[in-house]
């Protein structure tokens, strides 16, 4: 599992004050695949999440984008914020750690 937010499903279940659940498209690689509007390099005019919603019988109006319901601070707290600039020393340390297993 590479995404701790959606467990690589691309969608997160959101429970507002209503009894029904809504869904939010995650910002991870799986969520980005669901946002894609291309199939076999051809523009389809609809996103894959819309296909998922039709298959699962979910009203498309109940699916939102995660970045539309969370603040920038909330997104950064869960790992989807802007990355801090890497200093040259940090880059050297990261490169050394990567080579350590290859020796």
N, C-alpha and C. Protein backbone atom coordinates (compact mmCIF):
# COMPACT_ATOMS: atom_id res chain seq x y z
N UNK A 1 0.84 -1.17 0.00
CA UNK A 1 0.00 0.00 0.00
C UNK A 1 0.89 1.24 0.00
N UNK A 2 0.73 2.09 -0.98
CA UNK A 2 1.57 3.28 -1.05
C UNK A 2 0.83 4.54 -0.60
N UNK A 3 -0.49 4.56 -0.61
CA UNK A 3 -1.24 5.75 -0.18
C UNK A 3 -1.95 5.45 1.14
N UNK A 4 -1.53 6.16 2.17
CA UNK A 4 -2.13 5.96 3.49
C UNK A 4 -3.50 6.61 3.59
N UNK A 5 -3.83 7.51 2.68
CA UNK A 5 -5.10 8.21 2.73
C UNK A 5 -6.24 7.33 2.19
N UNK A 6 -6.04 6.72 1.02
CA UNK A 6 -7.12 5.95 0.39
C UNK A 6 -6.84 4.46 0.29
N UNK A 7 -5.69 4.02 0.78
CA UNK A 7 -5.26 2.62 0.67
C UNK A 7 -5.26 2.16 -0.80
N UNK A 8 -4.79 3.04 -1.67
CA UNK A 8 -4.64 2.78 -3.11
C UNK A 8 -5.95 2.51 -3.84
N UNK A 9 -7.06 3.01 -3.31
CA UNK A 9 -8.35 2.85 -3.98
C UNK A 9 -8.66 4.04 -4.89
N UNK A 10 -8.01 5.18 -4.62
CA UNK A 10 -8.25 6.37 -5.42
C UNK A 10 -9.40 7.21 -4.93
N UNK A 11 -10.23 6.64 -4.08
CA UNK A 11 -11.38 7.34 -3.52
C UNK A 11 -11.37 7.19 -2.01
N UNK A 12 -11.84 8.23 -1.34
CA UNK A 12 -11.95 8.22 0.11
C UNK A 12 -13.44 8.38 0.44
N UNK A 13 -13.94 7.58 1.35
CA UNK A 13 -15.33 7.73 1.80
C UNK A 13 -15.38 8.90 2.76
N UNK A 14 -16.32 9.80 2.53
CA UNK A 14 -16.48 10.99 3.35
C UNK A 14 -17.88 10.93 3.96
N UNK A 15 -17.95 11.00 5.26
CA UNK A 15 -19.24 11.04 5.95
C UNK A 15 -19.46 12.43 6.51
N UNK A 16 -20.36 13.17 5.86
CA UNK A 16 -20.72 14.50 6.35
C UNK A 16 -21.75 14.32 7.44
N UNK A 17 -22.56 15.28 7.67
CA UNK A 17 -23.62 15.16 8.67
C UNK A 17 -24.81 14.38 8.15
N UNK A 18 -24.84 14.14 6.85
CA UNK A 18 -25.93 13.37 6.24
C UNK A 18 -25.72 11.89 6.53
N UNK A 19 -26.75 11.10 6.30
CA UNK A 19 -26.62 9.66 6.52
C UNK A 19 -25.91 8.97 5.37
N UNK A 20 -26.02 9.52 4.17
CA UNK A 20 -25.36 8.92 3.02
C UNK A 20 -23.88 9.28 2.99
N UNK A 21 -23.09 8.39 2.43
CA UNK A 21 -21.66 8.66 2.28
C UNK A 21 -21.39 9.33 0.95
N UNK A 22 -20.45 10.24 0.97
CA UNK A 22 -19.96 10.85 -0.24
C UNK A 22 -18.55 10.31 -0.46
N UNK A 23 -17.98 10.66 -1.60
CA UNK A 23 -16.64 10.19 -1.93
C UNK A 23 -15.80 11.38 -2.38
N UNK A 24 -14.52 11.31 -2.08
CA UNK A 24 -13.57 12.32 -2.53
C UNK A 24 -12.47 11.63 -3.32
N UNK A 25 -12.14 12.20 -4.47
CA UNK A 25 -11.05 11.67 -5.29
C UNK A 25 -9.73 12.02 -4.63
N UNK A 26 -8.91 11.03 -4.40
CA UNK A 26 -7.62 11.22 -3.75
C UNK A 26 -6.63 11.86 -4.73
N UNK A 27 -5.57 12.41 -4.18
CA UNK A 27 -4.53 13.04 -4.98
C UNK A 27 -3.35 12.12 -5.27
N UNK A 28 -3.46 10.86 -4.90
CA UNK A 28 -2.38 9.90 -5.14
C UNK A 28 -2.39 9.45 -6.60
N UNK A 29 -1.49 8.55 -6.95
CA UNK A 29 -1.40 8.10 -8.34
C UNK A 29 -2.67 7.37 -8.78
N UNK A 30 -3.28 6.58 -7.90
CA UNK A 30 -4.52 5.88 -8.24
C UNK A 30 -5.65 6.88 -8.44
N UNK A 31 -5.73 7.87 -7.56
CA UNK A 31 -6.74 8.91 -7.70
C UNK A 31 -6.56 9.69 -8.99
N UNK A 32 -5.31 9.94 -9.36
CA UNK A 32 -5.05 10.64 -10.63
C UNK A 32 -5.46 9.80 -11.83
N UNK A 33 -5.32 8.48 -11.73
CA UNK A 33 -5.80 7.60 -12.81
C UNK A 33 -7.32 7.71 -12.94
N UNK A 34 -8.03 7.79 -11.81
CA UNK A 34 -9.49 7.93 -11.85
C UNK A 34 -9.92 9.27 -12.44
N UNK A 35 -9.07 10.26 -12.34
CA UNK A 35 -9.37 11.59 -12.90
C UNK A 35 -9.12 11.66 -14.40
N UNK A 36 -8.38 10.71 -14.93
CA UNK A 36 -8.00 10.74 -16.35
C UNK A 36 -9.22 10.66 -17.26
N UNK A 37 -9.14 11.38 -18.36
CA UNK A 37 -10.23 11.37 -19.35
C UNK A 37 -9.75 10.77 -20.66
N UNK A 38 -8.71 9.94 -20.60
CA UNK A 38 -8.20 9.30 -21.80
C UNK A 38 -8.19 7.79 -21.62
N UNK A 39 -8.41 7.11 -22.70
CA UNK A 39 -8.31 5.66 -22.74
C UNK A 39 -7.60 5.31 -24.04
N UNK A 40 -6.52 4.55 -23.94
CA UNK A 40 -5.72 4.19 -25.11
C UNK A 40 -5.28 5.45 -25.87
N UNK A 41 -4.88 6.48 -25.10
CA UNK A 41 -4.41 7.75 -25.65
C UNK A 41 -5.46 8.51 -26.45
N UNK A 42 -6.71 8.21 -26.22
CA UNK A 42 -7.80 8.95 -26.89
C UNK A 42 -8.68 9.59 -25.84
N UNK A 43 -9.03 10.85 -26.07
CA UNK A 43 -9.88 11.58 -25.15
C UNK A 43 -11.29 11.01 -25.21
N UNK A 44 -11.83 10.66 -24.04
CA UNK A 44 -13.15 10.03 -24.00
C UNK A 44 -14.28 11.01 -23.65
N UNK A 45 -13.93 12.14 -23.04
CA UNK A 45 -14.96 13.10 -22.67
C UNK A 45 -15.52 12.87 -21.27
N UNK A 46 -15.11 11.81 -20.62
CA UNK A 46 -15.52 11.59 -19.24
C UNK A 46 -14.38 10.91 -18.49
N UNK A 47 -14.37 11.11 -17.19
CA UNK A 47 -13.30 10.57 -16.36
C UNK A 47 -13.62 9.15 -15.92
N UNK A 48 -12.58 8.40 -15.57
CA UNK A 48 -12.77 7.03 -15.11
C UNK A 48 -13.61 6.95 -13.85
N UNK A 49 -13.54 7.98 -12.98
CA UNK A 49 -14.37 7.96 -11.79
C UNK A 49 -15.85 7.99 -12.16
N UNK A 50 -16.19 8.60 -13.27
CA UNK A 50 -17.58 8.62 -13.72
C UNK A 50 -18.03 7.22 -14.13
N UNK A 51 -17.13 6.46 -14.73
CA UNK A 51 -17.43 5.07 -15.08
C UNK A 51 -17.64 4.26 -13.80
N UNK A 52 -16.75 4.47 -12.81
CA UNK A 52 -16.89 3.79 -11.54
C UNK A 52 -18.23 4.11 -10.89
N UNK A 53 -18.61 5.39 -10.89
CA UNK A 53 -19.87 5.81 -10.28
C UNK A 53 -21.06 5.14 -10.97
N UNK A 54 -21.04 5.08 -12.29
CA UNK A 54 -22.13 4.43 -13.01
C UNK A 54 -22.20 2.95 -12.69
N UNK A 55 -21.05 2.30 -12.63
CA UNK A 55 -21.01 0.87 -12.34
C UNK A 55 -21.50 0.57 -10.93
N UNK A 56 -21.15 1.43 -9.98
CA UNK A 56 -21.50 1.22 -8.58
C UNK A 56 -22.85 1.82 -8.20
N UNK A 57 -23.49 2.53 -9.13
CA UNK A 57 -24.79 3.16 -8.85
C UNK A 57 -24.68 4.34 -7.90
N UNK A 58 -23.56 5.06 -7.97
CA UNK A 58 -23.33 6.23 -7.12
C UNK A 58 -23.65 7.48 -7.92
N UNK A 59 -24.43 8.37 -7.33
CA UNK A 59 -24.76 9.64 -7.97
C UNK A 59 -23.47 10.45 -8.14
N UNK A 60 -23.11 10.83 -9.36
CA UNK A 60 -21.86 11.57 -9.58
C UNK A 60 -21.75 12.87 -8.79
N UNK A 61 -22.87 13.46 -8.42
CA UNK A 61 -22.83 14.70 -7.64
C UNK A 61 -22.33 14.46 -6.22
N UNK A 62 -22.24 13.21 -5.82
CA UNK A 62 -21.77 12.87 -4.48
C UNK A 62 -20.26 12.60 -4.45
N UNK A 63 -19.59 12.86 -5.57
CA UNK A 63 -18.14 12.66 -5.65
C UNK A 63 -17.48 14.02 -5.84
N UNK A 64 -16.57 14.34 -4.93
CA UNK A 64 -15.87 15.62 -4.97
C UNK A 64 -14.37 15.37 -5.07
N UNK A 65 -13.63 16.43 -5.34
CA UNK A 65 -12.17 16.32 -5.35
C UNK A 65 -11.66 16.64 -3.95
N UNK A 66 -10.70 15.88 -3.47
CA UNK A 66 -10.16 16.05 -2.13
C UNK A 66 -9.66 17.47 -1.90
N UNK A 67 -9.04 18.04 -2.92
CA UNK A 67 -8.50 19.40 -2.79
C UNK A 67 -9.59 20.46 -2.70
N UNK A 68 -10.83 20.10 -3.04
CA UNK A 68 -11.94 21.05 -2.93
C UNK A 68 -12.59 21.05 -1.55
N UNK A 69 -12.33 20.02 -0.76
CA UNK A 69 -12.97 19.94 0.56
C UNK A 69 -11.99 20.08 1.71
N UNK A 70 -10.70 20.03 1.43
CA UNK A 70 -9.69 20.22 2.47
C UNK A 70 -8.90 21.49 2.21
N UNK A 71 -8.43 22.11 3.27
CA UNK A 71 -7.60 23.30 3.13
C UNK A 71 -6.20 22.88 2.71
N UNK A 72 -5.41 23.84 2.27
CA UNK A 72 -4.02 23.55 1.90
C UNK A 72 -3.25 23.00 3.09
N UNK A 73 -3.54 23.50 4.28
CA UNK A 73 -2.87 23.01 5.49
C UNK A 73 -3.24 21.57 5.77
N UNK A 74 -4.53 21.22 5.60
CA UNK A 74 -4.98 19.84 5.81
C UNK A 74 -4.32 18.90 4.80
N UNK A 75 -4.25 19.34 3.55
CA UNK A 75 -3.61 18.52 2.51
C UNK A 75 -2.14 18.30 2.82
N UNK A 76 -1.47 19.33 3.28
CA UNK A 76 -0.06 19.20 3.61
C UNK A 76 0.12 18.26 4.80
N UNK A 77 -0.79 18.31 5.76
CA UNK A 77 -0.70 17.46 6.95
C UNK A 77 -0.82 15.98 6.60
N UNK A 78 -1.54 15.65 5.52
CA UNK A 78 -1.69 14.24 5.13
C UNK A 78 -0.73 13.85 4.01
N UNK A 79 0.17 14.76 3.66
CA UNK A 79 1.22 14.42 2.71
C UNK A 79 1.02 14.88 1.28
N UNK A 80 0.05 15.75 1.03
CA UNK A 80 -0.20 16.22 -0.33
C UNK A 80 0.08 17.71 -0.49
N UNK A 81 0.99 18.23 0.30
CA UNK A 81 1.33 19.64 0.18
C UNK A 81 2.55 19.85 -0.68
N UNK A 82 2.93 21.10 -0.86
CA UNK A 82 4.15 21.37 -1.64
C UNK A 82 5.36 20.83 -0.90
N UNK A 83 6.28 20.29 -1.64
CA UNK A 83 7.49 19.74 -1.04
C UNK A 83 8.46 20.86 -0.70
N UNK A 84 9.11 20.71 0.43
CA UNK A 84 10.11 21.69 0.83
C UNK A 84 11.32 21.57 -0.09
N UNK A 85 12.00 22.67 -0.30
CA UNK A 85 13.18 22.66 -1.14
C UNK A 85 14.26 21.80 -0.48
N UNK A 86 14.91 20.99 -1.27
CA UNK A 86 15.96 20.11 -0.77
C UNK A 86 17.29 20.84 -0.88
N UNK A 87 18.01 20.87 0.24
CA UNK A 87 19.33 21.50 0.21
C UNK A 87 20.31 20.53 -0.43
N UNK A 88 21.46 21.05 -0.82
CA UNK A 88 22.47 20.19 -1.46
C UNK A 88 22.96 19.12 -0.48
N UNK A 89 23.06 19.45 0.80
CA UNK A 89 23.49 18.47 1.79
C UNK A 89 22.45 17.34 1.90
N UNK A 90 21.18 17.69 1.91
CA UNK A 90 20.12 16.68 1.97
C UNK A 90 20.14 15.79 0.72
N UNK A 91 20.43 16.37 -0.42
CA UNK A 91 20.51 15.60 -1.66
C UNK A 91 21.66 14.60 -1.60
N UNK A 92 22.81 15.01 -1.05
CA UNK A 92 23.96 14.11 -0.92
C UNK A 92 23.64 12.98 0.04
N UNK A 93 23.01 13.30 1.17
CA UNK A 93 22.64 12.28 2.15
C UNK A 93 21.65 11.29 1.53
N UNK A 94 20.65 11.79 0.80
CA UNK A 94 19.67 10.90 0.17
C UNK A 94 20.34 10.00 -0.86
N UNK A 95 21.26 10.55 -1.63
CA UNK A 95 21.97 9.75 -2.63
C UNK A 95 22.82 8.68 -1.95
N UNK A 96 23.46 9.04 -0.84
CA UNK A 96 24.29 8.07 -0.12
C UNK A 96 23.44 6.94 0.45
N UNK A 97 22.27 7.27 0.95
CA UNK A 97 21.37 6.24 1.49
C UNK A 97 20.92 5.30 0.38
N UNK A 98 20.68 5.85 -0.80
CA UNK A 98 20.24 5.03 -1.93
C UNK A 98 21.32 4.08 -2.41
N UNK A 99 22.58 4.47 -2.33
CA UNK A 99 23.69 3.63 -2.78
C UNK A 99 24.09 2.60 -1.74
N UNK A 100 23.71 2.82 -0.50
CA UNK A 100 24.13 1.93 0.56
C UNK A 100 23.72 0.50 0.30
N UNK A 101 22.52 0.29 -0.21
CA UNK A 101 22.06 -1.09 -0.47
C UNK A 101 22.70 -1.70 -1.68
N UNK A 102 23.36 -0.94 -2.53
CA UNK A 102 23.96 -1.46 -3.76
C UNK A 102 25.41 -1.88 -3.61
N UNK A 103 26.00 -1.56 -2.46
CA UNK A 103 27.42 -1.89 -2.28
C UNK A 103 27.64 -3.36 -2.05
